[in-house]
N, C-alpha and C. Protein backbone atom coordinates (compact mmCIF):
# COMPACT_ATOMS: atom_id res chain seq x y z
N UNK A 1 -28.47 -1.00 0.58
CA UNK A 1 -27.57 -0.80 1.75
C UNK A 1 -26.15 -1.13 1.32
N UNK A 2 -25.18 -0.31 1.80
CA UNK A 2 -23.83 -0.52 1.37
C UNK A 2 -22.93 -0.13 2.60
N UNK A 3 -21.62 -0.45 2.41
CA UNK A 3 -20.71 -0.25 3.55
C UNK A 3 -19.36 0.27 3.10
N UNK A 4 -18.67 0.96 3.98
CA UNK A 4 -17.29 1.25 3.84
C UNK A 4 -16.50 -0.05 4.12
N UNK A 5 -15.29 -0.16 3.51
CA UNK A 5 -14.44 -1.34 3.78
C UNK A 5 -13.17 -0.81 4.45
N UNK A 6 -12.82 -1.37 5.59
CA UNK A 6 -11.77 -0.84 6.40
C UNK A 6 -10.76 -1.91 6.82
N UNK A 7 -9.45 -1.61 6.68
CA UNK A 7 -8.40 -2.47 7.17
C UNK A 7 -7.31 -1.68 7.77
N UNK A 8 -6.56 -2.19 8.71
CA UNK A 8 -5.53 -1.39 9.32
C UNK A 8 -4.36 -2.25 9.90
N UNK A 9 -3.25 -1.56 10.07
CA UNK A 9 -2.08 -2.08 10.80
C UNK A 9 -2.03 -1.31 12.13
N UNK A 10 -2.18 -2.01 13.20
CA UNK A 10 -2.25 -1.30 14.49
C UNK A 10 -0.91 -0.80 14.88
N UNK A 11 -0.88 0.43 15.41
CA UNK A 11 0.35 1.08 15.86
C UNK A 11 0.83 0.47 17.18
N UNK A 12 2.17 0.41 17.35
CA UNK A 12 2.70 -0.19 18.58
C UNK A 12 2.84 0.82 19.72
N UNK A 13 2.99 2.12 19.33
CA UNK A 13 3.20 3.14 20.35
C UNK A 13 1.96 3.95 20.60
N UNK A 14 1.33 4.40 19.56
CA UNK A 14 0.15 5.24 19.70
C UNK A 14 -1.01 4.67 18.84
N UNK A 15 -1.52 3.52 19.31
CA UNK A 15 -2.57 2.88 18.48
C UNK A 15 -3.86 3.65 18.34
N UNK A 16 -4.08 4.58 19.24
CA UNK A 16 -5.29 5.41 19.18
C UNK A 16 -5.18 6.59 18.22
N UNK A 17 -4.02 6.88 17.71
CA UNK A 17 -3.81 7.95 16.74
C UNK A 17 -3.73 7.28 15.35
N UNK A 18 -4.52 7.79 14.45
CA UNK A 18 -4.69 7.09 13.13
C UNK A 18 -4.16 7.97 12.01
N UNK A 19 -3.42 7.32 11.09
CA UNK A 19 -3.07 7.91 9.83
C UNK A 19 -3.91 7.13 8.78
N UNK A 20 -4.82 7.86 8.13
CA UNK A 20 -5.76 7.22 7.21
C UNK A 20 -5.31 7.40 5.75
N UNK A 21 -5.42 6.38 4.95
CA UNK A 21 -5.30 6.51 3.51
C UNK A 21 -6.63 5.90 2.91
N UNK A 22 -7.13 6.51 1.83
CA UNK A 22 -8.39 6.04 1.32
C UNK A 22 -8.72 6.55 -0.08
N UNK A 23 -9.74 5.90 -0.61
CA UNK A 23 -10.35 6.26 -1.90
C UNK A 23 -11.81 5.83 -1.77
N UNK A 24 -12.55 5.97 -2.82
CA UNK A 24 -13.99 5.59 -2.78
C UNK A 24 -14.31 4.46 -3.73
N UNK A 25 -15.17 3.60 -3.29
CA UNK A 25 -15.56 2.42 -3.99
C UNK A 25 -16.55 2.59 -5.15
N UNK A 26 -17.41 3.53 -5.00
CA UNK A 26 -18.46 3.69 -6.02
C UNK A 26 -17.93 4.47 -7.21
N UNK A 27 -18.65 4.39 -8.32
CA UNK A 27 -18.23 5.10 -9.52
C UNK A 27 -19.48 5.36 -10.43
N UNK A 28 -19.24 6.20 -11.43
CA UNK A 28 -20.30 6.40 -12.44
C UNK A 28 -20.40 5.17 -13.28
N UNK A 29 -21.63 4.83 -13.66
CA UNK A 29 -21.82 3.51 -14.36
C UNK A 29 -21.54 3.55 -15.83
N UNK A 30 -21.15 4.69 -16.40
CA UNK A 30 -20.82 4.71 -17.83
C UNK A 30 -19.45 4.06 -18.16
N UNK A 31 -18.62 3.95 -17.19
CA UNK A 31 -17.27 3.29 -17.37
C UNK A 31 -17.05 2.25 -16.29
N UNK A 32 -15.78 1.90 -16.09
CA UNK A 32 -15.40 0.96 -14.98
C UNK A 32 -15.05 1.64 -13.74
N UNK A 33 -14.92 2.97 -13.68
CA UNK A 33 -14.46 3.67 -12.51
C UNK A 33 -12.99 3.33 -12.25
N UNK A 34 -12.18 3.08 -13.24
CA UNK A 34 -10.82 2.66 -13.03
C UNK A 34 -9.95 3.75 -12.43
N UNK A 35 -10.07 4.96 -12.91
CA UNK A 35 -9.34 6.11 -12.35
C UNK A 35 -10.16 6.75 -11.22
N UNK A 36 -11.47 6.73 -11.33
CA UNK A 36 -12.34 7.41 -10.38
C UNK A 36 -13.31 6.38 -9.75
N UNK A 37 -12.95 5.61 -8.77
CA UNK A 37 -11.68 5.80 -8.05
C UNK A 37 -10.99 4.48 -7.73
N UNK A 38 -11.09 3.55 -8.73
CA UNK A 38 -10.37 2.27 -8.50
C UNK A 38 -8.93 2.49 -8.25
N UNK A 39 -8.31 3.45 -8.92
CA UNK A 39 -6.85 3.66 -8.70
C UNK A 39 -6.60 4.07 -7.27
N UNK A 40 -7.44 5.00 -6.75
CA UNK A 40 -7.22 5.46 -5.38
C UNK A 40 -7.41 4.32 -4.38
N UNK A 41 -8.32 3.44 -4.59
CA UNK A 41 -8.56 2.33 -3.68
C UNK A 41 -7.33 1.39 -3.68
N UNK A 42 -6.85 1.09 -4.92
CA UNK A 42 -5.69 0.18 -5.04
C UNK A 42 -4.46 0.83 -4.39
N UNK A 43 -4.24 2.11 -4.62
CA UNK A 43 -3.04 2.77 -4.02
C UNK A 43 -3.17 2.76 -2.47
N UNK A 44 -4.35 3.04 -1.95
CA UNK A 44 -4.53 3.02 -0.50
C UNK A 44 -4.26 1.66 0.09
N UNK A 45 -4.75 0.62 -0.52
CA UNK A 45 -4.51 -0.72 -0.08
C UNK A 45 -2.99 -1.09 -0.16
N UNK A 46 -2.35 -0.56 -1.20
CA UNK A 46 -0.93 -0.84 -1.46
C UNK A 46 -0.07 -0.14 -0.39
N UNK A 47 -0.51 0.92 0.19
CA UNK A 47 0.26 1.62 1.23
C UNK A 47 0.47 0.55 2.34
N UNK A 48 -0.58 -0.10 2.78
CA UNK A 48 -0.49 -1.11 3.86
C UNK A 48 0.32 -2.26 3.42
N UNK A 49 0.12 -2.69 2.14
CA UNK A 49 0.91 -3.82 1.67
C UNK A 49 2.39 -3.48 1.59
N UNK A 50 2.74 -2.27 1.10
CA UNK A 50 4.13 -1.88 1.05
C UNK A 50 4.78 -1.89 2.46
N UNK A 51 4.09 -1.37 3.44
CA UNK A 51 4.63 -1.35 4.80
C UNK A 51 4.83 -2.74 5.31
N UNK A 52 3.88 -3.63 5.02
CA UNK A 52 4.02 -5.03 5.46
C UNK A 52 5.22 -5.73 4.77
N UNK A 53 5.32 -5.47 3.49
CA UNK A 53 6.43 -6.10 2.70
C UNK A 53 7.85 -5.57 3.20
N UNK A 54 7.83 -4.36 3.69
CA UNK A 54 9.10 -3.78 4.22
C UNK A 54 9.38 -4.24 5.62
N UNK A 55 8.38 -4.88 6.26
CA UNK A 55 8.51 -5.27 7.67
C UNK A 55 8.47 -4.12 8.64
N UNK A 56 7.87 -3.02 8.23
CA UNK A 56 7.80 -1.82 8.99
C UNK A 56 6.69 -1.92 10.03
N UNK A 57 6.98 -1.63 11.28
CA UNK A 57 5.98 -1.63 12.36
C UNK A 57 5.67 -0.19 12.73
N UNK A 58 4.51 0.31 12.35
CA UNK A 58 4.22 1.75 12.56
C UNK A 58 3.98 2.08 14.01
N UNK A 59 4.32 3.29 14.39
CA UNK A 59 4.08 3.84 15.71
C UNK A 59 2.56 4.09 15.91
N UNK A 60 1.98 4.69 14.83
CA UNK A 60 0.53 5.04 14.85
C UNK A 60 -0.24 3.92 14.10
N UNK A 61 -1.52 3.86 14.23
CA UNK A 61 -2.31 2.98 13.45
C UNK A 61 -2.50 3.46 12.00
N UNK A 62 -2.14 2.67 11.07
CA UNK A 62 -2.31 3.01 9.67
C UNK A 62 -3.54 2.34 9.14
N UNK A 63 -4.53 3.16 8.74
CA UNK A 63 -5.83 2.58 8.40
C UNK A 63 -6.19 2.92 6.93
N UNK A 64 -6.60 1.91 6.20
CA UNK A 64 -7.10 2.06 4.87
C UNK A 64 -8.60 2.04 4.91
N UNK A 65 -9.20 3.07 4.32
CA UNK A 65 -10.67 3.13 4.23
C UNK A 65 -11.11 3.27 2.79
N UNK A 66 -11.90 2.36 2.32
CA UNK A 66 -12.51 2.47 1.00
C UNK A 66 -13.97 2.92 1.20
N UNK A 67 -14.16 4.18 0.89
CA UNK A 67 -15.46 4.86 1.21
C UNK A 67 -16.50 4.50 0.18
N UNK A 68 -17.71 4.31 0.66
CA UNK A 68 -18.88 4.10 -0.20
C UNK A 68 -19.67 5.42 -0.42
N UNK A 69 -20.26 5.56 -1.63
CA UNK A 69 -21.17 6.64 -1.91
C UNK A 69 -20.56 7.96 -1.93
N UNK A 70 -19.39 8.12 -2.47
CA UNK A 70 -18.82 9.49 -2.69
C UNK A 70 -19.55 10.21 -3.78
N UNK A 71 -19.87 9.49 -4.87
CA UNK A 71 -20.47 10.13 -6.05
C UNK A 71 -21.85 10.63 -5.85
N UNK A 72 -22.61 10.07 -4.92
CA UNK A 72 -24.01 10.39 -4.81
C UNK A 72 -24.44 10.65 -3.35
N UNK A 73 -23.76 11.58 -2.70
CA UNK A 73 -24.21 11.94 -1.37
C UNK A 73 -23.18 11.91 -0.28
N UNK A 74 -22.03 11.33 -0.51
CA UNK A 74 -20.94 11.34 0.49
C UNK A 74 -21.33 10.66 1.80
N UNK A 75 -22.19 9.64 1.73
CA UNK A 75 -22.70 9.07 2.97
C UNK A 75 -21.58 8.24 3.64
N UNK A 76 -20.73 7.61 2.83
CA UNK A 76 -19.67 6.80 3.50
C UNK A 76 -18.72 7.68 4.32
N UNK A 77 -18.30 8.81 3.72
CA UNK A 77 -17.36 9.69 4.45
C UNK A 77 -18.04 10.33 5.65
N UNK A 78 -19.32 10.68 5.52
CA UNK A 78 -20.08 11.34 6.62
C UNK A 78 -20.25 10.34 7.75
N UNK A 79 -20.60 9.10 7.43
CA UNK A 79 -20.82 8.08 8.44
C UNK A 79 -19.48 7.70 9.14
N UNK A 80 -18.42 7.64 8.32
CA UNK A 80 -17.13 7.35 8.94
C UNK A 80 -16.71 8.37 9.98
N UNK A 81 -16.87 9.67 9.66
CA UNK A 81 -16.52 10.74 10.56
C UNK A 81 -17.43 10.71 11.80
N UNK A 82 -18.69 10.38 11.61
CA UNK A 82 -19.62 10.23 12.74
C UNK A 82 -19.18 9.17 13.70
N UNK A 83 -18.78 8.03 13.12
CA UNK A 83 -18.31 6.90 13.94
C UNK A 83 -16.97 7.25 14.67
N UNK A 84 -16.09 7.93 13.91
CA UNK A 84 -14.81 8.30 14.55
C UNK A 84 -15.00 9.22 15.75
N UNK A 85 -15.96 10.14 15.57
CA UNK A 85 -16.25 11.03 16.68
C UNK A 85 -16.87 10.30 17.86
N UNK A 86 -17.77 9.38 17.55
CA UNK A 86 -18.41 8.60 18.60
C UNK A 86 -17.37 7.79 19.38
N UNK A 87 -16.31 7.23 18.67
CA UNK A 87 -15.31 6.43 19.28
C UNK A 87 -14.20 7.26 19.86
N UNK A 88 -14.31 8.59 19.70
CA UNK A 88 -13.22 9.50 20.17
C UNK A 88 -11.86 9.14 19.57
N UNK A 89 -11.87 8.85 18.30
CA UNK A 89 -10.63 8.54 17.60
C UNK A 89 -9.98 9.85 17.13
N UNK A 90 -8.64 9.90 17.19
CA UNK A 90 -7.91 11.06 16.66
C UNK A 90 -7.24 10.65 15.38
N UNK A 91 -7.54 11.39 14.30
CA UNK A 91 -6.88 11.14 12.99
C UNK A 91 -5.77 12.18 12.84
N UNK A 92 -4.54 11.77 13.08
CA UNK A 92 -3.38 12.62 12.92
C UNK A 92 -3.36 13.18 11.51
N UNK A 93 -3.57 12.31 10.52
CA UNK A 93 -3.66 12.79 9.16
C UNK A 93 -4.53 11.81 8.34
N UNK A 94 -5.31 12.36 7.45
CA UNK A 94 -6.11 11.55 6.52
C UNK A 94 -5.67 11.94 5.09
N UNK A 95 -5.32 10.96 4.28
CA UNK A 95 -4.83 11.19 2.94
C UNK A 95 -5.79 10.50 1.94
N UNK A 96 -6.29 11.26 0.98
CA UNK A 96 -7.21 10.66 0.02
C UNK A 96 -6.58 10.65 -1.40
N UNK A 97 -6.73 9.59 -2.10
CA UNK A 97 -6.34 9.51 -3.51
C UNK A 97 -7.61 9.44 -4.34
N UNK A 98 -7.98 10.52 -5.02
CA UNK A 98 -9.18 10.54 -5.80
C UNK A 98 -9.00 11.53 -6.98
N UNK A 99 -7.85 11.44 -7.60
CA UNK A 99 -7.58 12.30 -8.76
C UNK A 99 -6.98 11.50 -9.92
N UNK A 100 -7.17 10.21 -9.91
CA UNK A 100 -6.60 9.38 -11.00
C UNK A 100 -5.31 8.72 -10.68
N UNK A 101 -5.04 7.69 -11.42
CA UNK A 101 -3.81 6.91 -11.17
C UNK A 101 -2.65 7.32 -12.10
N UNK A 102 -2.44 8.66 -12.23
CA UNK A 102 -1.39 9.13 -13.12
C UNK A 102 -0.08 9.40 -12.35
N UNK A 103 0.90 9.89 -13.02
CA UNK A 103 2.23 10.16 -12.47
C UNK A 103 2.17 11.08 -11.25
N UNK A 104 2.75 10.67 -10.13
CA UNK A 104 2.66 11.53 -8.94
C UNK A 104 3.36 12.85 -9.03
N UNK A 105 2.72 13.91 -8.53
CA UNK A 105 3.26 15.23 -8.50
C UNK A 105 3.42 15.78 -7.04
N UNK A 106 2.72 15.22 -6.10
CA UNK A 106 2.83 15.73 -4.75
C UNK A 106 1.56 15.58 -3.94
N UNK A 107 1.42 16.46 -2.97
CA UNK A 107 0.29 16.38 -2.02
C UNK A 107 -0.14 17.79 -1.65
N UNK A 108 -1.44 18.01 -1.64
CA UNK A 108 -2.01 19.21 -1.13
C UNK A 108 -2.55 18.99 0.35
N UNK A 109 -2.59 20.07 1.08
CA UNK A 109 -2.98 19.91 2.49
C UNK A 109 -4.02 20.94 2.93
N UNK A 110 -4.85 20.52 3.84
CA UNK A 110 -5.92 21.34 4.34
C UNK A 110 -6.11 20.98 5.82
N UNK A 111 -6.84 21.72 6.58
CA UNK A 111 -7.13 21.37 7.94
C UNK A 111 -7.88 22.47 8.68
N UNK A 112 -8.27 22.15 9.89
CA UNK A 112 -8.93 23.12 10.72
C UNK A 112 -8.04 24.32 11.02
N UNK A 113 -8.59 25.53 10.94
CA UNK A 113 -7.77 26.73 11.13
C UNK A 113 -7.00 26.79 12.43
N UNK A 114 -7.53 26.10 13.46
CA UNK A 114 -6.90 26.15 14.78
C UNK A 114 -5.57 25.41 14.83
N UNK A 115 -5.36 24.50 13.89
CA UNK A 115 -4.12 23.68 13.96
C UNK A 115 -3.35 23.66 12.61
N UNK A 116 -4.01 24.10 11.54
CA UNK A 116 -3.45 23.89 10.23
C UNK A 116 -2.11 24.60 9.99
N UNK A 117 -1.94 25.79 10.45
CA UNK A 117 -0.63 26.48 10.24
C UNK A 117 0.50 25.80 10.88
N UNK A 118 0.34 25.33 12.08
CA UNK A 118 1.43 24.60 12.79
C UNK A 118 1.71 23.28 12.12
N UNK A 119 0.64 22.53 11.74
CA UNK A 119 0.83 21.22 11.14
C UNK A 119 1.48 21.37 9.72
N UNK A 120 1.03 22.37 8.95
CA UNK A 120 1.55 22.50 7.64
C UNK A 120 3.04 22.92 7.66
N UNK A 121 3.38 23.73 8.63
CA UNK A 121 4.78 24.11 8.76
C UNK A 121 5.70 22.83 8.98
N UNK A 122 5.19 21.93 9.75
CA UNK A 122 5.94 20.65 10.00
C UNK A 122 6.01 19.85 8.76
N UNK A 123 4.90 19.71 8.02
CA UNK A 123 4.92 18.89 6.79
C UNK A 123 5.82 19.52 5.75
N UNK A 124 5.83 20.90 5.67
CA UNK A 124 6.72 21.53 4.68
C UNK A 124 8.19 21.16 4.89
N UNK A 125 8.53 20.75 6.13
CA UNK A 125 9.88 20.32 6.40
C UNK A 125 10.21 18.99 5.78
N UNK A 126 9.20 18.22 5.37
CA UNK A 126 9.44 16.98 4.66
C UNK A 126 9.80 17.18 3.21
N UNK A 127 9.47 18.37 2.67
CA UNK A 127 9.59 18.53 1.20
C UNK A 127 10.97 18.29 0.60
N UNK A 128 12.05 18.64 1.30
CA UNK A 128 13.38 18.25 0.71
C UNK A 128 13.61 16.77 0.57
N UNK A 129 12.92 15.95 1.35
CA UNK A 129 13.03 14.50 1.23
C UNK A 129 12.19 13.98 0.12
N UNK A 130 11.14 14.76 -0.31
CA UNK A 130 10.22 14.31 -1.39
C UNK A 130 10.61 14.88 -2.76
N UNK A 131 11.28 16.03 -2.71
CA UNK A 131 11.60 16.75 -4.00
C UNK A 131 12.37 15.85 -4.96
N UNK A 132 13.36 15.05 -4.52
CA UNK A 132 14.10 14.23 -5.55
C UNK A 132 13.24 13.32 -6.31
N UNK A 133 12.04 13.03 -5.83
CA UNK A 133 11.10 12.13 -6.54
C UNK A 133 10.03 12.95 -7.30
N UNK A 134 10.23 14.25 -7.41
CA UNK A 134 9.30 15.08 -8.16
C UNK A 134 8.00 15.38 -7.41
N UNK A 135 8.06 15.32 -6.11
CA UNK A 135 6.86 15.53 -5.27
C UNK A 135 6.97 16.86 -4.51
N UNK A 136 5.84 17.67 -4.60
CA UNK A 136 5.79 18.93 -3.94
C UNK A 136 4.72 18.92 -2.83
N UNK A 137 4.86 19.90 -1.92
CA UNK A 137 3.92 20.04 -0.83
C UNK A 137 3.22 21.41 -1.04
N UNK A 138 1.91 21.43 -1.07
CA UNK A 138 1.20 22.67 -1.33
C UNK A 138 -0.01 22.81 -0.36
N UNK A 139 -0.41 24.02 -0.13
CA UNK A 139 -1.70 24.31 0.54
C UNK A 139 -2.81 24.12 -0.42
N UNK A 140 -3.96 23.69 0.04
CA UNK A 140 -5.09 23.57 -0.91
C UNK A 140 -6.14 22.63 -0.34
N UNK A 141 -6.79 21.88 -1.23
CA UNK A 141 -7.82 20.99 -0.81
C UNK A 141 -7.29 19.68 -0.38
N UNK A 142 -8.19 18.73 -0.06
CA UNK A 142 -7.76 17.40 0.33
C UNK A 142 -8.61 16.35 -0.39
N UNK A 143 -9.77 16.03 0.09
CA UNK A 143 -10.64 15.01 -0.55
C UNK A 143 -12.01 15.11 -0.01
N UNK A 144 -13.01 14.74 -0.80
CA UNK A 144 -14.40 14.87 -0.42
C UNK A 144 -14.67 13.89 0.75
N UNK A 145 -14.21 12.63 0.68
CA UNK A 145 -14.53 11.64 1.68
C UNK A 145 -13.93 11.99 3.06
N UNK A 146 -12.78 12.60 3.08
CA UNK A 146 -12.15 12.89 4.36
C UNK A 146 -12.49 14.27 4.86
N UNK A 147 -13.21 15.08 4.03
CA UNK A 147 -13.63 16.41 4.44
C UNK A 147 -14.39 16.47 5.77
N UNK A 148 -15.29 15.52 6.00
CA UNK A 148 -16.04 15.53 7.26
C UNK A 148 -15.17 15.38 8.52
N UNK A 149 -13.91 14.98 8.35
CA UNK A 149 -13.00 14.88 9.50
C UNK A 149 -12.37 16.22 9.89
N UNK A 150 -12.53 17.19 9.12
CA UNK A 150 -11.84 18.45 9.24
C UNK A 150 -11.99 19.08 10.67
N UNK A 151 -13.19 19.03 11.21
CA UNK A 151 -13.43 19.62 12.52
C UNK A 151 -12.79 18.88 13.65
N UNK A 152 -12.16 17.78 13.41
CA UNK A 152 -11.61 16.91 14.43
C UNK A 152 -10.13 17.23 14.71
N UNK A 153 -9.65 18.33 14.13
CA UNK A 153 -8.34 18.91 14.40
C UNK A 153 -7.16 18.07 13.98
N UNK A 154 -7.29 17.25 12.93
CA UNK A 154 -6.21 16.58 12.28
C UNK A 154 -5.82 17.25 10.96
N UNK A 155 -4.84 16.70 10.30
CA UNK A 155 -4.38 17.24 9.01
C UNK A 155 -5.01 16.43 7.92
N UNK A 156 -5.46 17.09 6.82
CA UNK A 156 -6.09 16.43 5.71
C UNK A 156 -5.19 16.61 4.46
N UNK A 157 -5.09 15.61 3.66
CA UNK A 157 -4.24 15.70 2.44
C UNK A 157 -4.87 15.01 1.26
N UNK A 158 -4.66 15.61 0.10
CA UNK A 158 -5.05 15.03 -1.16
C UNK A 158 -3.84 14.63 -1.96
N UNK A 159 -3.72 13.36 -2.39
CA UNK A 159 -2.71 13.00 -3.30
C UNK A 159 -2.93 13.64 -4.64
N UNK A 160 -1.84 14.22 -5.20
CA UNK A 160 -1.98 14.99 -6.45
C UNK A 160 -1.17 14.38 -7.56
N UNK A 161 -1.77 13.63 -8.42
CA UNK A 161 -1.06 13.16 -9.62
C UNK A 161 -1.11 14.18 -10.78
N UNK A 162 -0.42 13.95 -11.84
CA UNK A 162 -0.53 14.79 -13.00
C UNK A 162 -1.93 14.84 -13.46
N UNK A 163 -2.44 16.04 -13.75
CA UNK A 163 -3.85 16.18 -14.06
C UNK A 163 -4.16 16.32 -15.53
N UNK A 164 -3.18 16.28 -16.39
CA UNK A 164 -3.37 16.60 -17.82
C UNK A 164 -4.34 15.63 -18.54
N UNK A 165 -4.37 14.38 -18.11
CA UNK A 165 -5.22 13.40 -18.82
C UNK A 165 -6.49 13.06 -18.02
N UNK A 166 -6.63 13.55 -16.84
CA UNK A 166 -7.72 13.13 -15.97
C UNK A 166 -9.10 13.34 -16.58
N UNK A 167 -9.26 14.52 -17.15
CA UNK A 167 -10.63 14.82 -17.65
C UNK A 167 -10.87 14.26 -19.06
N UNK A 168 -9.93 13.46 -19.60
CA UNK A 168 -10.19 12.64 -20.75
C UNK A 168 -11.09 11.46 -20.35
N UNK A 169 -10.96 11.05 -19.02
CA UNK A 169 -11.65 9.85 -18.62
C UNK A 169 -12.70 10.13 -17.54
N UNK A 170 -12.59 11.21 -16.83
CA UNK A 170 -13.45 11.45 -15.65
C UNK A 170 -14.93 11.44 -15.96
N UNK A 171 -15.65 10.52 -15.33
CA UNK A 171 -17.10 10.41 -15.47
C UNK A 171 -17.52 10.09 -16.91
N UNK A 172 -16.65 9.39 -17.62
CA UNK A 172 -16.99 9.05 -18.98
C UNK A 172 -16.89 7.55 -19.25
N UNK A 173 -17.30 7.09 -20.42
CA UNK A 173 -17.17 5.66 -20.78
C UNK A 173 -15.72 5.30 -20.98
N UNK A 174 -14.83 6.32 -21.04
CA UNK A 174 -13.39 5.99 -21.27
C UNK A 174 -12.64 5.66 -19.92
N UNK A 175 -13.37 5.71 -18.82
CA UNK A 175 -12.70 5.43 -17.55
C UNK A 175 -12.68 3.91 -17.33
N UNK A 176 -11.83 3.22 -18.06
CA UNK A 176 -11.72 1.81 -18.07
C UNK A 176 -10.33 1.38 -17.64
N UNK A 177 -10.16 0.10 -17.30
CA UNK A 177 -8.89 -0.42 -16.77
C UNK A 177 -7.71 -0.27 -17.71
N UNK A 178 -8.02 -0.34 -19.01
CA UNK A 178 -6.92 -0.22 -20.01
C UNK A 178 -6.25 1.13 -20.01
N UNK A 179 -6.89 2.15 -19.43
CA UNK A 179 -6.30 3.50 -19.37
C UNK A 179 -5.38 3.71 -18.17
N UNK A 180 -5.29 2.74 -17.29
CA UNK A 180 -4.47 2.84 -16.12
C UNK A 180 -3.08 2.24 -16.41
N UNK A 181 -2.09 3.01 -16.16
CA UNK A 181 -0.68 2.56 -16.38
C UNK A 181 -0.17 1.94 -15.08
N UNK A 182 0.25 0.71 -15.11
CA UNK A 182 0.61 0.00 -13.91
C UNK A 182 1.79 0.71 -13.17
N UNK A 183 2.77 1.18 -13.90
CA UNK A 183 3.90 1.87 -13.29
C UNK A 183 3.51 3.13 -12.61
N UNK A 184 2.66 3.95 -13.29
CA UNK A 184 2.19 5.15 -12.62
C UNK A 184 1.43 4.88 -11.38
N UNK A 185 0.60 3.81 -11.41
CA UNK A 185 -0.17 3.44 -10.23
C UNK A 185 0.73 3.08 -9.10
N UNK A 186 1.78 2.28 -9.40
CA UNK A 186 2.75 1.88 -8.39
C UNK A 186 3.52 3.08 -7.85
N UNK A 187 3.92 4.00 -8.65
CA UNK A 187 4.60 5.21 -8.22
C UNK A 187 3.70 6.01 -7.27
N UNK A 188 2.46 6.09 -7.56
CA UNK A 188 1.52 6.81 -6.66
C UNK A 188 1.45 6.15 -5.28
N UNK A 189 1.32 4.82 -5.34
CA UNK A 189 1.24 4.10 -4.05
C UNK A 189 2.54 4.27 -3.23
N UNK A 190 3.67 4.27 -3.97
CA UNK A 190 4.96 4.46 -3.27
C UNK A 190 5.07 5.84 -2.69
N UNK A 191 4.57 6.87 -3.39
CA UNK A 191 4.59 8.23 -2.93
C UNK A 191 3.74 8.37 -1.65
N UNK A 192 2.58 7.76 -1.70
CA UNK A 192 1.68 7.82 -0.50
C UNK A 192 2.35 7.13 0.67
N UNK A 193 2.98 5.96 0.37
CA UNK A 193 3.70 5.22 1.47
C UNK A 193 4.78 6.08 2.05
N UNK A 194 5.54 6.82 1.25
CA UNK A 194 6.58 7.64 1.75
C UNK A 194 6.06 8.73 2.66
N UNK A 195 4.94 9.33 2.34
CA UNK A 195 4.34 10.36 3.18
C UNK A 195 3.86 9.76 4.49
N UNK A 196 3.22 8.60 4.40
CA UNK A 196 2.74 7.97 5.60
C UNK A 196 3.93 7.60 6.54
N UNK A 197 5.04 7.14 5.96
CA UNK A 197 6.20 6.83 6.75
C UNK A 197 6.73 8.05 7.50
N UNK A 198 6.82 9.19 6.78
CA UNK A 198 7.33 10.41 7.37
C UNK A 198 6.40 10.86 8.53
N UNK A 199 5.09 10.81 8.28
CA UNK A 199 4.14 11.22 9.30
C UNK A 199 4.18 10.33 10.48
N UNK A 200 4.35 9.00 10.25
CA UNK A 200 4.38 8.06 11.34
C UNK A 200 5.66 8.22 12.13
N UNK A 201 6.80 8.40 11.45
CA UNK A 201 8.11 8.46 12.17
C UNK A 201 8.28 9.77 12.92
N UNK A 202 7.93 10.90 12.27
CA UNK A 202 8.23 12.21 12.82
C UNK A 202 7.00 12.94 13.37
N UNK A 203 5.79 12.46 13.05
CA UNK A 203 4.57 13.09 13.57
C UNK A 203 4.42 14.53 13.13
N UNK A 204 3.54 15.22 13.84
CA UNK A 204 3.18 16.61 13.57
C UNK A 204 3.46 17.48 14.74
């Protein structure tokens, strides 16, 4: 038996609307799971930590979810979506970091067809603010754990770091802590924090 781990900063204006950041706790046992997905878990927790250190009070609830069982059945993500639906929670946006702790390159977005075009158009407007930091906005996938939220009419996003070294370590014995660069990890967390801030301040 295992569990998702959840923490949040409650929003002052729209506490029932959630901006989620997350990664998955489980890993393949041949390595440490440092990039897949320890990096994503640390970056997601750091988003909340960064906002607290800045003294920022979010309008929406900012929730960090560390999902269990991504690698072998997606039960953590499936159960989370089931509970969110039961509680009638609205996830304005869910952002997953599950592509390694490398240099940030941007974010890809996905969503339910009924709302995606309108939401993506709004997010594209953020791109000039992100471009000076080498971050792009693209259409595409999001993340396995947040995928079950798609039918709930929010926006889904995948954090996209540089992919050139990812498959040197992915699901191998080389996925150890020594392969994670602290500065790259921090830059990823800062990039995710910037997107969360824009979503919280300007909405969709």
